């Protein structure tokens, strides 16, 4: 076997050990070893079919790559940091095993510029499919809980102040609606990710007669990123992914924040599962919502990752720049955070306990039916809403002075009669009962149990569409990899 030392050095003096360490991307590339092998295999098959390398060299290198693939899956292959990145590691391995006569042909008609992009996209699309599957599973868990809570009344808030009665099912489906939009954003990001840059080479394409459509097909890409210079210059697919992740984590953080509040003694709306809380090193009674707090905290990493990558690319000239190496650091960590956050919240919502009695008691001890009483004045006495709003506001002030609430029906009745607005006791009981209020809110998308049930049905249909899209995408990748394996087998056994 020929020695591989300095085979990639070129005409320049070898970098110092410190410089090589600074330039190395091994810690980032370990995510993409299998993807680089697949990229190499598709590239080799294309070169062979185009007559650019002979069968002997193709067979020798494919044999090496198939063995290496098994080593990687068994955890028996480690990247050498002296070789800077995953691409040089694998090329060095092939040259060592197959000799430079054969292995030296591996890098024909491509550059590390299009190769790294291909590897990133191969890995990223799998991550997006996994995250989308996890998020769909979480959404279905929320929807299952919502179906059981369509009649559970609770306070709704604006400005963190009691506002109007809503149902717990309505609150839960709000997050379902929110996370379904996150799924759409992840789906759009996948479309941009799943375009093939392979064959763009360094920046200008190649004079060799390659077949970019074949490598696209073998690797399961939906279409080509045709313009070579744009392909190697572009990182907007990473920005779109990070943008979707940042919005997703922002939404997960909002949900976590509400649960942190609801877990407090002042709210006491929920009891968190013990697996998701921790105690105090000094206070024995504490039930700290640490998992939720960390989801809230880690959301800021993902948000900052998006800003960092955006600032990284905003002033770069066209073509590959080494700055691009840093985008993967933020991308892989953001994906890890997002996947774990979604999975943890799904598990939490399968076990969380809601205190329905506490929620209802707060409704009855405050003025959440005030808006509905104003609406009743409009309906019964044809008063303008502004006039009705003023009257109810004066009523609330008077009740507060007496330390009374709207549940004190006789007080309310007496006040309204003074203003020539008589209601029967039964009428007021219906208007001011939170359970009646939510049933009267019949507008589309509102909190009434009937509307929430309708929206649950609508969301289930959206979920089915997302599931079909995911299955279709997974099947496309499976078919492509089966085709790639069949091509490899034919060459190795022919």
Protein backbone atom coordinates (compact mmCIF):
# COMPACT_ATOMS: atom_id res chain seq x y z
CA UNK A 1 0.00 0.00 0.00
CA UNK A 2 1.21 3.48 -0.82
CA UNK A 3 1.75 5.87 2.08
CA UNK A 4 -0.84 8.59 2.33
CA UNK A 5 1.19 11.12 4.31
CA UNK A 6 0.93 14.59 2.80
CA UNK A 7 -1.20 13.38 -0.11
CA UNK A 8 -3.51 16.37 0.33
CA UNK A 9 -0.78 18.91 1.07
CA UNK A 10 -0.54 20.37 -2.40
CA UNK A 11 2.25 22.83 -3.20
CA UNK A 12 2.23 24.60 0.15
CA UNK A 13 4.12 23.93 3.32
CA UNK A 14 2.17 21.76 5.76
CA UNK A 15 0.21 23.73 8.36
CA UNK A 16 1.38 23.80 11.94
CA UNK A 17 -0.27 21.42 14.41
CA UNK A 18 -2.00 24.38 16.06
CA UNK A 19 -3.35 25.63 12.72
CA UNK A 20 -4.54 22.13 11.76
CA UNK A 21 -6.33 21.83 15.08
CA UNK A 22 -7.98 25.22 14.52
CA UNK A 23 -9.05 24.30 10.98
CA UNK A 24 -10.34 20.81 11.82
CA UNK A 25 -14.06 20.10 11.72
CA UNK A 26 -13.90 16.53 13.06
CA UNK A 27 -16.14 17.31 16.03
CA UNK A 28 -18.84 18.49 13.59
CA UNK A 29 -18.25 15.90 10.87
CA UNK A 30 -18.79 12.87 13.08
CA UNK A 31 -22.50 13.44 12.49
CA UNK A 32 -22.05 12.83 8.75
CA UNK A 33 -19.73 9.82 8.30
CA UNK A 34 -22.41 7.55 6.86
CA UNK A 35 -23.71 10.36 4.66
CA UNK A 36 -20.22 10.95 3.24
CA UNK A 37 -19.92 7.25 2.43
CA UNK A 38 -23.29 7.31 0.61
CA UNK A 39 -22.23 10.44 -1.25
CA UNK A 40 -19.00 8.72 -2.33
CA UNK A 41 -20.84 5.60 -3.46
CA UNK A 42 -23.34 7.51 -5.59
CA UNK A 43 -20.51 9.60 -7.06
CA UNK A 44 -18.46 6.50 -7.92
CA UNK A 45 -21.40 4.78 -9.64
CA UNK A 46 -22.01 7.91 -11.70
CA UNK A 47 -18.33 8.16 -12.71
CA UNK A 48 -18.34 4.48 -13.72
CA UNK A 49 -21.55 4.74 -15.75
CA UNK A 50 -20.20 7.82 -17.53
CA UNK A 51 -17.00 5.94 -18.41
CA UNK A 52 -14.81 8.29 -16.35
CA UNK A 53 -13.32 5.49 -14.21
CA UNK A 54 -12.91 1.79 -14.98
CA UNK A 55 -14.75 -1.09 -13.40
CA UNK A 56 -11.74 -2.38 -11.46
CA UNK A 57 -11.21 0.92 -9.66
CA UNK A 58 -14.95 1.32 -9.05
CA UNK A 59 -15.26 -2.19 -7.63
CA UNK A 60 -12.21 -1.81 -5.40
CA UNK A 61 -13.40 1.50 -3.94
CA UNK A 62 -17.01 0.33 -3.48
CA UNK A 63 -15.74 -2.73 -1.63
CA UNK A 64 -13.78 -0.47 0.71
CA UNK A 65 -16.76 1.81 1.26
CA UNK A 66 -19.11 -1.09 2.04
CA UNK A 67 -16.65 -2.44 4.62
CA UNK A 68 -16.22 1.05 6.05
CA UNK A 69 -20.01 1.46 6.26
CA UNK A 70 -20.24 -1.61 8.51
CA UNK A 71 -17.35 -0.36 10.65
CA UNK A 72 -19.09 2.96 11.15
CA UNK A 73 -22.38 1.28 12.10
CA UNK A 74 -20.51 -0.91 14.58
CA UNK A 75 -18.74 2.13 16.05
CA UNK A 76 -15.32 0.86 14.97
CA UNK A 77 -14.21 3.82 12.85
CA UNK A 78 -12.80 6.99 14.31
CA UNK A 79 -12.00 10.16 12.39
CA UNK A 80 -8.36 11.22 12.50
CA UNK A 81 -8.17 14.93 13.47
CA UNK A 82 -4.85 15.23 11.63
CA UNK A 83 -6.80 14.83 8.38
CA UNK A 84 -8.98 17.86 9.08
CA UNK A 85 -12.45 16.67 8.02
CA UNK A 86 -14.61 13.65 7.24
CA UNK A 87 -14.00 13.87 3.48
CA UNK A 88 -10.23 13.61 3.74
CA UNK A 89 -10.52 10.87 6.35
CA UNK A 90 -12.60 8.67 4.08
CA UNK A 91 -10.54 9.41 1.00
CA UNK A 92 -7.36 8.59 2.95
CA UNK A 93 -8.97 5.33 4.12
CA UNK A 94 -9.83 4.35 0.52
CA UNK A 95 -6.36 5.19 -0.73
CA UNK A 96 -4.79 3.22 2.12
CA UNK A 97 -6.95 0.15 1.42
CA UNK A 98 -7.25 0.30 -2.37
CA UNK A 99 -4.02 2.08 -3.24
CA UNK A 100 -3.59 5.46 -4.81
CA UNK A 101 -3.92 3.91 -8.29
CA UNK A 102 -7.58 3.23 -7.60
CA UNK A 103 -8.36 5.35 -4.54
CA UNK A 104 -6.80 8.42 -6.11
CA UNK A 105 -9.70 8.49 -8.59
CA UNK A 106 -12.35 9.00 -5.91
CA UNK A 107 -12.30 12.80 -5.97
CA UNK A 108 -12.59 13.16 -9.74
CA UNK A 109 -15.18 15.71 -10.93
CA UNK A 110 -16.10 17.16 -7.57
CA UNK A 111 -14.83 19.40 -4.76
CA UNK A 112 -15.15 19.35 -1.01
CA UNK A 113 -17.36 22.41 -1.57
CA UNK A 114 -20.23 20.47 -3.17
CA UNK A 115 -19.39 17.33 -1.18
CA UNK A 116 -19.86 18.94 2.25
CA UNK A 117 -23.14 20.50 1.16
CA UNK A 118 -24.39 17.12 -0.04
CA UNK A 119 -23.42 15.46 3.24
CA UNK A 120 -25.09 18.20 5.30
CA UNK A 121 -28.29 17.94 3.28
CA UNK A 122 -28.37 14.14 3.48
CA UNK A 123 -28.05 14.28 7.26
CA UNK A 124 -30.28 17.30 7.75
CA UNK A 125 -33.23 15.91 5.83
CA UNK A 126 -33.22 12.80 8.06
CA UNK A 127 -33.11 15.03 11.13
CA UNK A 128 -36.04 17.08 9.83
CA UNK A 129 -38.09 13.95 9.18
CA UNK A 130 -37.35 12.66 12.67
CA UNK A 131 -38.19 15.98 14.32
CA UNK A 132 -41.40 16.27 12.29
CA UNK A 133 -42.43 12.75 13.32
CA UNK A 134 -41.74 13.57 16.97
CA UNK A 135 -43.69 16.82 16.74
CA UNK A 136 -46.65 15.06 15.11
CA UNK A 137 -46.65 12.54 17.95
CA UNK A 138 -46.65 15.39 20.48
CA UNK A 139 -49.51 17.17 18.69
CA UNK A 140 -51.58 13.97 18.76
CA UNK A 141 -50.94 13.69 22.50
CA UNK A 142 -52.18 17.26 23.01
CA UNK A 143 -55.22 16.57 20.87
CA UNK A 144 -56.05 13.42 22.82
CA UNK A 145 -55.98 15.41 26.05
CA UNK A 146 -58.06 18.20 24.48
CA UNK A 147 -60.82 15.75 23.52
CA UNK A 148 -61.27 14.92 27.21
CA UNK A 149 -61.36 18.57 28.29
CA UNK A 150 -63.82 20.23 25.90
CA UNK A 151 -66.20 20.97 28.80
CA UNK A 152 -63.59 21.80 31.43
CA UNK A 153 -63.98 25.53 32.11
CA UNK A 154 -61.05 27.65 33.23
CA UNK A 155 -59.97 31.31 33.26
CA UNK A 156 -58.61 32.75 30.06
CA UNK A 157 -55.94 35.43 30.39
CA UNK A 158 -54.77 38.61 28.73
CA UNK A 159 -51.89 40.57 30.25
CA UNK A 160 -51.76 37.64 32.70
CA UNK A 161 -55.02 38.97 34.15
CA UNK A 162 -58.32 37.10 34.30
CA UNK A 163 -60.17 37.87 31.08
CA UNK A 164 -62.96 35.53 29.94
CA UNK A 165 -63.98 31.94 30.59
CA UNK A 166 -62.52 29.39 28.19
CA UNK A 167 -62.19 25.62 28.23
CA UNK A 168 -59.06 23.60 28.87
CA UNK A 169 -59.71 21.87 25.56
CA UNK A 170 -59.67 25.29 23.87
CA UNK A 171 -56.31 26.11 25.54
CA UNK A 172 -54.80 22.78 24.49
CA UNK A 173 -55.99 23.09 20.89
CA UNK A 174 -54.43 26.55 20.73
CA UNK A 175 -51.03 24.88 21.02
CA UNK A 176 -52.10 22.20 18.54
CA UNK A 177 -52.88 24.95 16.04
CA UNK A 178 -49.54 26.62 16.79
CA UNK A 179 -47.46 23.45 16.43
CA UNK A 180 -49.18 22.48 13.18
CA UNK A 181 -47.81 25.72 11.73
CA UNK A 182 -44.38 24.67 12.99
CA UNK A 183 -44.83 21.42 11.10
CA UNK A 184 -45.60 23.39 7.94
CA UNK A 185 -42.43 25.44 8.39
CA UNK A 186 -40.35 22.29 8.88
CA UNK A 187 -41.96 20.83 5.76
CA UNK A 188 -41.08 23.90 3.71
CA UNK A 189 -37.52 23.77 5.02
CA UNK A 190 -37.28 20.11 3.96
CA UNK A 191 -38.20 21.06 0.39
CA UNK A 192 -35.30 23.50 0.25
CA UNK A 193 -32.92 21.04 1.90
CA UNK A 194 -33.74 18.17 -0.44
CA UNK A 195 -32.06 19.61 -3.53
CA UNK A 196 -28.80 18.14 -4.83
CA UNK A 197 -25.67 20.31 -5.04
CA UNK A 198 -23.44 17.38 -6.04
CA UNK A 199 -21.66 18.10 -9.31
CA UNK A 200 -21.45 21.85 -8.74
CA UNK A 201 -17.80 21.12 -7.86
CA UNK A 202 -15.72 24.00 -6.52
CA UNK A 203 -17.93 26.75 -7.97
CA UNK A 204 -18.09 26.49 -11.78
CA UNK A 205 -19.03 22.90 -12.58
CA UNK A 206 -16.64 20.66 -14.51
CA UNK A 207 -15.49 20.02 -18.07
CA UNK A 208 -15.91 16.28 -17.47
CA UNK A 209 -19.12 14.71 -18.74
CA UNK A 210 -20.82 13.92 -15.43
CA UNK A 211 -24.48 13.03 -14.83
CA UNK A 212 -25.86 15.15 -11.99
CA UNK A 213 -29.35 13.75 -12.48
CA UNK A 214 -28.10 10.25 -11.71
CA UNK A 215 -26.48 11.19 -8.38
CA UNK A 216 -29.63 13.14 -7.53
CA UNK A 217 -31.71 10.00 -8.16
CA UNK A 218 -29.39 7.65 -6.27
CA UNK A 219 -29.37 9.90 -3.20
CA UNK A 220 -33.12 10.54 -3.19
CA UNK A 221 -33.05 14.28 -3.82
CA UNK A 222 -36.23 15.81 -5.23
CA UNK A 223 -34.43 18.10 -7.68
CA UNK A 224 -31.09 19.64 -8.58
CA UNK A 225 -29.71 22.87 -7.23
CA UNK A 226 -28.64 23.71 -10.75
CA UNK A 227 -26.61 26.91 -10.60
CA UNK A 228 -23.13 25.77 -9.54
CA UNK A 229 -21.96 29.03 -7.99
CA UNK A 230 -25.22 29.54 -6.15
CA UNK A 231 -25.16 25.93 -4.95
CA UNK A 232 -21.77 26.17 -3.23
CA UNK A 233 -22.47 29.72 -1.97
CA UNK A 234 -25.90 29.01 -0.50
CA UNK A 235 -26.63 28.43 3.16
CA UNK A 236 -30.17 29.76 3.12
CA UNK A 237 -31.48 26.20 3.57
CA UNK A 238 -29.70 26.18 6.94
CA UNK A 239 -31.13 29.59 7.76
CA UNK A 240 -34.64 28.43 6.88
CA UNK A 241 -34.19 25.35 9.03
CA UNK A 242 -32.84 27.37 11.97
CA UNK A 243 -35.64 29.90 11.53
CA UNK A 244 -38.22 27.09 11.75
CA UNK A 245 -36.41 25.64 14.77
CA UNK A 246 -36.21 29.03 16.49
CA UNK A 247 -39.96 29.61 16.05
CA UNK A 248 -40.71 26.07 17.20
CA UNK A 249 -38.56 26.49 20.31
CA UNK A 250 -40.16 29.88 20.98
CA UNK A 251 -43.57 28.18 20.94
CA UNK A 252 -42.32 25.35 23.16
CA UNK A 253 -40.90 27.98 25.50
CA UNK A 254 -44.27 29.74 25.72
CA UNK A 255 -45.96 26.48 26.61
CA UNK A 256 -43.26 25.72 29.17
CA UNK A 257 -43.63 29.18 30.72
CA UNK A 258 -47.37 28.75 31.14
CA UNK A 259 -46.86 25.40 32.83
CA UNK A 260 -44.18 26.90 35.11
CA UNK A 261 -46.76 29.51 36.18
CA UNK A 262 -49.54 26.96 36.49
CA UNK A 263 -47.30 24.80 38.66
CA UNK A 264 -46.89 27.63 41.19
CA UNK A 265 -48.90 27.69 44.42
CA UNK A 266 -50.62 30.88 43.28
CA UNK A 267 -52.07 29.14 40.22
CA UNK A 268 -52.12 25.47 41.28
CA UNK A 269 -53.63 24.49 37.93
CA UNK A 270 -51.36 21.49 37.32
CA UNK A 271 -49.43 18.79 39.07
CA UNK A 272 -46.33 17.91 37.09
CA UNK A 273 -45.15 14.29 36.89
CA UNK A 274 -42.37 13.59 39.35
CA UNK A 275 -39.97 12.59 36.56
CA UNK A 276 -40.05 16.20 35.34
CA UNK A 277 -39.41 18.02 38.60
CA UNK A 278 -36.56 18.24 41.08
CA UNK A 279 -36.19 19.11 44.73
CA UNK A 280 -34.04 21.63 46.52
CA UNK A 281 -30.71 21.03 48.22
CA UNK A 282 -32.00 22.95 51.24
CA UNK A 283 -35.82 23.17 51.08
CA UNK A 284 -37.44 19.74 51.39
CA UNK A 285 -40.88 20.81 50.14
CA UNK A 286 -39.79 22.16 46.73
CA UNK A 287 -41.17 20.83 43.40
CA UNK A 288 -39.08 22.76 40.91
CA UNK A 289 -40.16 22.53 37.24
CA UNK A 290 -36.56 22.20 36.05
CA UNK A 291 -37.25 20.45 32.73
CA UNK A 292 -39.69 23.16 31.67
CA UNK A 293 -37.30 25.89 32.78
CA UNK A 294 -34.48 24.35 30.74
CA UNK A 295 -36.66 24.06 27.63
CA UNK A 296 -37.43 27.75 28.12
CA UNK A 297 -33.73 28.48 28.59
CA UNK A 298 -32.46 26.36 25.69
CA UNK A 299 -34.87 28.12 23.34
CA UNK A 300 -32.57 31.13 23.56
CA UNK A 301 -29.66 29.04 22.22
CA UNK A 302 -31.65 28.09 19.12
CA UNK A 303 -32.77 31.67 18.60
CA UNK A 304 -29.19 32.91 18.92
CA UNK A 305 -27.99 30.14 16.55
CA UNK A 306 -30.28 31.51 13.84
CA UNK A 307 -28.97 35.05 14.42
CA UNK A 308 -25.36 33.84 14.48
CA UNK A 309 -25.61 31.98 11.17
CA UNK A 310 -27.46 34.90 9.59
CA UNK A 311 -24.71 37.27 10.70
CA UNK A 312 -22.09 34.74 9.56
CA UNK A 313 -23.32 34.71 5.94
CA UNK A 314 -24.56 38.28 5.53
CA UNK A 315 -21.28 39.76 4.25
CA UNK A 316 -19.61 36.78 2.58
CA UNK A 317 -18.66 37.01 -1.11
CA UNK A 318 -19.86 34.30 -3.50
CA UNK A 319 -18.13 30.94 -3.52
CA UNK A 320 -17.10 28.76 -0.61
CA UNK A 321 -15.69 30.52 2.44
CA UNK A 322 -14.25 28.70 5.45
CA UNK A 323 -16.66 30.66 7.67
CA UNK A 324 -19.33 28.21 6.48
CA UNK A 325 -17.75 25.50 8.61
CA UNK A 326 -19.21 27.12 11.73
CA UNK A 327 -22.85 26.86 10.63
CA UNK A 328 -22.99 23.14 11.39
CA UNK A 329 -22.00 23.68 15.01
CA UNK A 330 -25.16 25.71 15.64
CA UNK A 331 -27.32 23.57 13.34
CA UNK A 332 -26.62 20.17 14.92
CA UNK A 333 -26.98 21.47 18.47
CA UNK A 334 -30.22 23.29 17.63
CA UNK A 335 -31.65 20.08 16.20
CA UNK A 336 -30.65 18.12 19.31
CA UNK A 337 -32.30 20.70 21.57
CA UNK A 338 -35.48 20.80 19.49
CA UNK A 339 -35.87 17.03 19.29
CA UNK A 340 -35.30 16.48 23.00
CA UNK A 341 -37.62 19.37 23.96
CA UNK A 342 -40.47 18.00 21.84
CA UNK A 343 -40.01 14.46 23.16
CA UNK A 344 -39.88 15.59 26.79
CA UNK A 345 -43.04 17.68 26.49
CA UNK A 346 -44.88 14.82 24.81
CA UNK A 347 -44.00 12.52 27.71
CA UNK A 348 -44.96 15.20 30.22
CA UNK A 349 -48.42 15.72 28.70
CA UNK A 350 -49.14 12.01 28.85
CA UNK A 351 -48.86 12.17 32.65
CA UNK A 352 -49.69 15.76 33.67
CA UNK A 353 -52.66 16.29 36.02
CA UNK A 354 -54.98 19.31 35.73
CA UNK A 355 -56.82 20.62 38.79
CA UNK A 356 -60.27 21.26 37.30
CA UNK A 357 -61.84 22.27 40.64
CA UNK A 358 -59.19 24.93 41.17
CA UNK A 359 -59.73 26.32 37.69
CA UNK A 360 -63.49 26.52 38.20
CA UNK A 361 -63.22 28.09 41.65
CA UNK A 362 -61.16 30.96 40.22
CA UNK A 363 -63.80 31.54 37.57
CA UNK A 364 -66.47 31.94 40.23
CA UNK A 365 -64.42 34.26 42.42
CA UNK A 366 -63.77 36.93 39.81
CA UNK A 367 -65.41 38.93 37.01
CA UNK A 368 -64.69 36.81 33.91
CA UNK A 369 -68.35 36.88 32.79
CA UNK A 370 -68.35 40.70 32.58
CA UNK A 371 -67.98 40.76 28.79
CA UNK A 372 -70.87 38.36 28.37
CA UNK A 373 -73.05 40.51 30.64
CA UNK A 374 -72.27 43.53 28.41
CA UNK A 375 -73.23 41.43 25.38
CA UNK A 376 -76.49 40.50 27.12
CA UNK A 377 -77.34 44.21 27.56
CA UNK A 378 -76.74 44.74 23.86
CA UNK A 379 -78.96 41.78 22.95
CA UNK A 380 -81.83 42.45 25.35
CA UNK A 381 -81.96 46.25 25.52
CA UNK A 382 -80.29 47.21 22.23
CA UNK A 383 -77.79 49.42 24.05
CA UNK A 384 -74.56 50.26 22.24
CA UNK A 385 -71.63 48.14 23.30
CA UNK A 386 -69.76 51.17 24.64
CA UNK A 387 -72.74 52.09 26.82
CA UNK A 388 -73.11 48.49 27.98
CA UNK A 389 -69.38 48.30 28.69
CA UNK A 390 -69.62 51.41 30.90
CA UNK A 391 -72.59 50.08 32.85
CA UNK A 392 -70.90 46.74 33.58
CA UNK A 393 -67.68 48.55 34.49
CA UNK A 394 -69.61 50.58 37.09
CA UNK A 395 -71.19 47.37 38.35
CA UNK A 396 -67.79 45.73 38.77
CA UNK A 397 -66.48 48.76 40.71
CA UNK A 398 -69.43 48.66 43.08
CA UNK A 399 -69.13 44.90 43.63
CA UNK A 400 -65.41 45.20 44.32
CA UNK A 401 -66.08 47.84 46.99
CA UNK A 402 -68.45 45.40 48.69
CA UNK A 403 -66.01 42.50 48.24
CA UNK A 404 -68.59 40.79 46.03
CA UNK A 405 -68.36 39.12 42.60
CA UNK A 406 -70.68 38.54 39.65
CA UNK A 407 -71.71 35.29 41.30
CA UNK A 408 -73.61 37.40 43.84
CA UNK A 409 -76.69 37.39 41.61
CA UNK A 410 -78.95 39.46 43.89
CA UNK A 411 -76.39 42.30 43.98
CA UNK A 412 -76.10 42.27 40.20
CA UNK A 413 -79.86 42.15 39.75
CA UNK A 414 -80.39 45.10 42.11
CA UNK A 415 -77.76 47.23 40.35
CA UNK A 416 -79.21 46.61 36.90
CA UNK A 417 -82.74 47.36 38.04
CA UNK A 418 -81.55 50.77 39.28
CA UNK A 419 -80.48 51.46 35.71
CA UNK A 420 -83.83 50.30 34.29
CA UNK A 421 -82.23 47.10 32.99
CA UNK A 422 -84.24 44.38 34.73
CA UNK A 423 -83.20 40.74 34.38
CA UNK A 424 -84.83 37.77 36.03
CA UNK A 425 -82.71 35.74 38.39
CA UNK A 426 -82.72 32.78 36.02
CA UNK A 427 -81.60 35.01 33.14
CA UNK A 428 -78.68 36.34 35.16
CA UNK A 429 -77.70 32.91 36.39
CA UNK A 430 -77.44 31.76 32.79
CA UNK A 431 -75.56 34.85 31.61
CA UNK A 432 -73.07 34.79 34.50
CA UNK A 433 -72.49 31.04 34.83
CA UNK A 434 -69.09 30.29 33.19
CA UNK A 435 -70.39 26.96 31.88
CA UNK A 436 -73.21 28.76 30.10
CA UNK A 437 -70.92 31.51 28.85
CA UNK A 438 -68.65 29.12 26.95
CA UNK A 439 -71.66 27.47 25.29
CA UNK A 440 -72.96 30.84 24.11
CA UNK A 441 -69.69 31.72 22.34
CA UNK A 442 -70.67 30.17 19.03
CA UNK A 443 -68.45 32.13 16.68
CA UNK A 444 -66.17 30.07 14.44
CA UNK A 445 -62.92 29.22 16.21
CA UNK A 446 -64.30 30.13 19.64
CA UNK A 447 -64.16 28.31 22.95
CA UNK A 448 -67.55 26.59 22.92
CA UNK A 449 -67.30 22.81 23.32
CA UNK A 450 -69.03 22.34 19.97
CA UNK A 451 -66.51 24.56 18.18
CA UNK A 452 -63.55 22.97 19.93
CA UNK A 453 -64.78 19.54 18.85
CA UNK A 454 -65.16 20.78 15.28
CA UNK A 455 -61.60 22.16 15.32
CA UNK A 456 -60.29 18.88 16.76
CA UNK A 457 -61.76 17.13 13.73
CA UNK A 458 -60.15 19.70 11.44
CA UNK A 459 -56.76 19.31 13.16
CA UNK A 460 -56.96 15.53 12.83
CA UNK A 461 -57.31 15.92 9.07
CA UNK A 462 -54.27 18.22 9.00
CA UNK A 463 -52.31 15.65 10.99
CA UNK A 464 -53.27 12.95 8.48
CA UNK A 465 -51.94 15.13 5.64
CA UNK A 466 -48.63 15.66 7.45
CA UNK A 467 -48.36 11.93 8.18
CA UNK A 468 -48.93 11.07 4.51
CA UNK A 469 -46.30 13.61 3.45
CA UNK A 470 -43.79 12.19 5.92
CA UNK A 471 -44.45 8.61 4.81
CA UNK A 472 -44.10 9.62 1.17
CA UNK A 473 -40.77 11.34 1.85
CA UNK A 474 -39.44 8.43 3.90
CA UNK A 475 -40.51 6.00 1.17
CA UNK A 476 -38.74 8.09 -1.48
CA UNK A 477 -35.49 7.99 0.49
CA UNK A 478 -35.86 4.27 1.13
CA UNK A 479 -36.42 3.59 -2.57
CA UNK A 480 -33.40 5.71 -3.52
CA UNK A 481 -31.12 3.91 -1.07
CA UNK A 482 -32.42 0.54 -2.27
CA UNK A 483 -31.58 1.59 -5.83
CA UNK A 484 -28.12 2.71 -4.71
CA UNK A 485 -27.53 -0.64 -2.97
CA UNK A 486 -28.74 -2.52 -6.05
CA UNK A 487 -26.31 -0.59 -8.26
CA UNK A 488 -23.46 -1.30 -5.84
CA UNK A 489 -24.34 -5.01 -5.70
CA UNK A 490 -24.47 -5.26 -9.48
CA UNK A 491 -20.98 -3.78 -9.84
CA UNK A 492 -19.52 -5.89 -7.03
CA UNK A 493 -21.02 -9.20 -8.20
CA UNK A 494 -21.24 -8.83 -12.00
